[in-house]
Amino acid sequence: MQDLKKNEEEIKHNKRKKEQINSEYNTITKGIDIMEL
């Protein structure tokens, strides 16, 4: 039962990390788009 809880926390953490990376990536690509214009 403890492992399940731990897994849920890990999944939430990974999801947050992925969202953070995605938003950073989007910011970078938007910045590049602006520079290219």
PDB file of N, CA and C in Angstrom:
ATOM      1  N   MET A   1       0.837  -1.200   0.000  1.00  0.00           N
ATOM      2  CA  MET A   1       0.000   0.000   0.000  1.00  0.00           C
ATOM      3  C   MET A   1       0.879   1.261   0.000  1.00  0.00           C
ATOM      4  N   GLN A   2       1.954   1.218   0.736  1.00  0.00           N
ATOM      5  CA  GLN A   2       2.869   2.363   0.815  1.00  0.00           C
ATOM      6  C   GLN A   2       3.495   2.633  -0.556  1.00  0.00           C
ATOM      7  N   ASP A   3       3.840   1.568  -1.264  1.00  0.00           N
ATOM      8  CA  ASP A   3       4.458   1.713  -2.579  1.00  0.00           C
ATOM      9  C   ASP A   3       3.530   2.431  -3.551  1.00  0.00           C
ATOM     10  N   LEU A   4       2.253   2.111  -3.481  1.00  0.00           N
ATOM     11  CA  LEU A   4       1.268   2.725  -4.365  1.00  0.00           C
ATOM     12  C   LEU A   4       1.237   4.234  -4.150  1.00  0.00           C
ATOM     13  N   LYS A   5       1.229   4.632  -2.883  1.00  0.00           N
ATOM     14  CA  LYS A   5       1.209   6.057  -2.545  1.00  0.00           C
ATOM     15  C   LYS A   5       2.473   6.719  -3.100  1.00  0.00           C
ATOM     16  N   LYS A   6       3.602   6.048  -2.934  1.00  0.00           N
ATOM     17  CA  LYS A   6       4.882   6.578  -3.398  1.00  0.00           C
ATOM     18  C   LYS A   6       4.856   6.739  -4.920  1.00  0.00           C
ATOM     19  N   ASN A   7       4.311   5.746  -5.603  1.00  0.00           N
ATOM     20  CA  ASN A   7       4.202   5.806  -7.061  1.00  0.00           C
ATOM     21  C   ASN A   7       3.345   6.975  -7.501  1.00  0.00           C
ATOM     22  N   GLU A   8       2.240   7.191  -6.816  1.00  0.00           N
ATOM     23  CA  GLU A   8       1.355   8.312  -7.162  1.00  0.00           C
ATOM     24  C   GLU A   8       2.094   9.631  -7.040  1.00  0.00           C
ATOM     25  N   GLU A   9       2.861   9.776  -5.967  1.00  0.00           N
ATOM     26  CA  GLU A   9       3.636  11.005  -5.766  1.00  0.00           C
ATOM     27  C   GLU A   9       4.645  11.181  -6.892  1.00  0.00           C
ATOM     28  N   GLU A  10       5.307  10.085  -7.251  1.00  0.00           N
ATOM     29  CA  GLU A  10       6.309  10.137  -8.313  1.00  0.00           C
ATOM     30  C   GLU A  10       5.675  10.534  -9.635  1.00  0.00           C
ATOM     31  N   ILE A  11       4.522   9.952  -9.927  1.00  0.00           N
ATOM     32  CA  ILE A  11       3.816  10.252 -11.175  1.00  0.00           C
ATOM     33  C   ILE A  11       3.425  11.730 -11.214  1.00  0.00           C
ATOM     34  N   LYS A  12       2.896  12.232 -10.103  1.00  0.00           N
ATOM     35  CA  LYS A  12       2.520  13.649 -10.030  1.00  0.00           C
ATOM     36  C   LYS A  12       3.738  14.527 -10.247  1.00  0.00           C
ATOM     37  N   HIS A  13       4.842  14.147  -9.595  1.00  0.00           N
ATOM     38  CA  HIS A  13       6.074  14.924  -9.697  1.00  0.00           C
ATOM     39  C   HIS A  13       6.580  14.932 -11.138  1.00  0.00           C
ATOM     40  N   ASN A  14       6.576  13.761 -11.780  1.00  0.00           N
ATOM     41  CA  ASN A  14       7.042  13.655 -13.161  1.00  0.00           C
ATOM     42  C   ASN A  14       6.170  14.468 -14.102  1.00  0.00           C
ATOM     43  N   LYS A  15       4.855  14.439 -13.840  1.00  0.00           N
ATOM     44  CA  LYS A  15       3.915  15.190 -14.678  1.00  0.00           C
ATOM     45  C   LYS A  15       4.202  16.682 -14.562  1.00  0.00           C
ATOM     46  N   ARG A  16       4.418  17.141 -13.324  1.00  0.00           N
ATOM     47  CA  ARG A  16       4.740  18.552 -13.093  1.00  0.00           C
ATOM     48  C   ARG A  16       6.031  18.926 -13.800  1.00  0.00           C
ATOM     49  N   LYS A  17       7.021  18.054 -13.690  1.00  0.00           N
ATOM     50  CA  LYS A  17       8.320  18.309 -14.307  1.00  0.00           C
ATOM     51  C   LYS A  17       8.169  18.397 -15.821  1.00  0.00           C
ATOM     52  N   LYS A  18       7.371  17.487 -16.373  1.00  0.00           N
ATOM     53  CA  LYS A  18       7.153  17.476 -17.819  1.00  0.00           C
ATOM     54  C   LYS A  18       6.465  18.766 -18.262  1.00  0.00           C
ATOM     55  N   GLU A  19       5.466  19.217 -17.497  1.00  0.00           N
ATOM     56  CA  GLU A  19       4.756  20.459 -17.829  1.00  0.00           C
ATOM     57  C   GLU A  19       5.711  21.644 -17.769  1.00  0.00           C
ATOM     58  N   GLN A  20       6.590  21.625 -16.763  1.00  0.00           N
ATOM     59  CA  GLN A  20       7.556  22.711 -16.614  1.00  0.00           C
ATOM     60  C   GLN A  20       8.499  22.744 -17.810  1.00  0.00           C
ATOM     61  N   ILE A  21       8.990  21.561 -18.202  1.00  0.00           N
ATOM     62  CA  ILE A  21       9.889  21.471 -19.350  1.00  0.00           C
ATOM     63  C   ILE A  21       9.174  21.948 -20.611  1.00  0.00           C
ATOM     64  N   ASN A  22       7.922  21.527 -20.781  1.00  0.00           N
ATOM     65  CA  ASN A  22       7.142  21.936 -21.947  1.00  0.00           C
ATOM     66  C   ASN A  22       6.987  23.442 -22.008  1.00  0.00           C
ATOM     67  N   SER A  23       6.678  24.078 -20.878  1.00  0.00           N
ATOM     68  CA  SER A  23       6.475  25.522 -20.889  1.00  0.00           C
ATOM     69  C   SER A  23       7.799  26.242 -21.153  1.00  0.00           C
ATOM     70  N   GLU A  24       8.908  25.700 -20.624  1.00  0.00           N
ATOM     71  CA  GLU A  24      10.218  26.292 -20.895  1.00  0.00           C
ATOM     72  C   GLU A  24      10.539  26.156 -22.381  1.00  0.00           C
ATOM     73  N   TYR A  25      10.258  24.982 -22.934  1.00  0.00           N
ATOM     74  CA  TYR A  25      10.508  24.718 -24.350  1.00  0.00           C
ATOM     75  C   TYR A  25       9.683  25.667 -25.217  1.00  0.00           C
ATOM     76  N   ASN A  26       8.403  25.832 -24.857  1.00  0.00           N
ATOM     77  CA  ASN A  26       7.533  26.740 -25.613  1.00  0.00           C
ATOM     78  C   ASN A  26       8.052  28.168 -25.560  1.00  0.00           C
ATOM     79  N   THR A  27       8.527  28.578 -24.396  1.00  0.00           N
ATOM     80  CA  THR A  27       9.072  29.929 -24.253  1.00  0.00           C
ATOM     81  C   THR A  27      10.278  30.102 -25.154  1.00  0.00           C
ATOM     82  N   ILE A  28      11.145  29.096 -25.176  1.00  0.00           N
ATOM     83  CA  ILE A  28      12.360  29.157 -25.997  1.00  0.00           C
ATOM     84  C   ILE A  28      11.987  29.218 -27.484  1.00  0.00           C
ATOM     85  N   THR A  29      11.068  28.351 -27.910  1.00  0.00           N
ATOM     86  CA  THR A  29      10.708  28.323 -29.330  1.00  0.00           C
ATOM     87  C   THR A  29      10.003  29.607 -29.739  1.00  0.00           C
ATOM     88  N   LYS A  30       9.190  30.174 -28.844  1.00  0.00           N
ATOM     89  CA  LYS A  30       8.542  31.453 -29.147  1.00  0.00           C
ATOM     90  C   LYS A  30       9.608  32.532 -29.290  1.00  0.00           C
ATOM     91  N   GLY A  31      10.590  32.495 -28.424  1.00  0.00           N
ATOM     92  CA  GLY A  31      11.690  33.461 -28.490  1.00  0.00           C
ATOM     93  C   GLY A  31      12.423  33.353 -29.810  1.00  0.00           C
ATOM     94  N   ILE A  32      12.644  32.121 -30.276  1.00  0.00           N
ATOM     95  CA  ILE A  32      13.333  31.905 -31.548  1.00  0.00           C
ATOM     96  C   ILE A  32      12.470  32.432 -32.693  1.00  0.00           C
ATOM     97  N   ASP A  33      11.163  32.159 -32.644  1.00  0.00           N
ATOM     98  CA  ASP A  33      10.242  32.647 -33.685  1.00  0.00           C
ATOM     99  C   ASP A  33      10.336  34.163 -33.795  1.00  0.00           C
ATOM    100  N   ILE A  34      10.355  34.831 -32.662  1.00  0.00           N
ATOM    101  CA  ILE A  34      10.409  36.293 -32.647  1.00  0.00           C
ATOM    102  C   ILE A  34      11.728  36.762 -33.260  1.00  0.00           C
ATOM    103  N   MET A  35      12.833  36.105 -32.909  1.00  0.00           N
ATOM    104  CA  MET A  35      14.142  36.494 -33.434  1.00  0.00           C
ATOM    105  C   MET A  35      14.198  36.304 -34.949  1.00  0.00           C
ATOM    106  N   GLU A  36      13.559  35.244 -35.439  1.00  0.00           N
ATOM    107  CA  GLU A  36      13.594  34.961 -36.875  1.00  0.00           C
ATOM    108  C   GLU A  36      12.778  35.977 -37.669  1.00  0.00           C
ATOM    109  N   LEU A  37      11.743  36.537 -37.048  1.00  0.00           N
ATOM    110  CA  LEU A  37      10.956  37.569 -37.723  1.00  0.00           C
ATOM    111  C   LEU A  37      11.798  38.838 -37.776  1.00  0.00           C
TER     112      LEU A  37
END
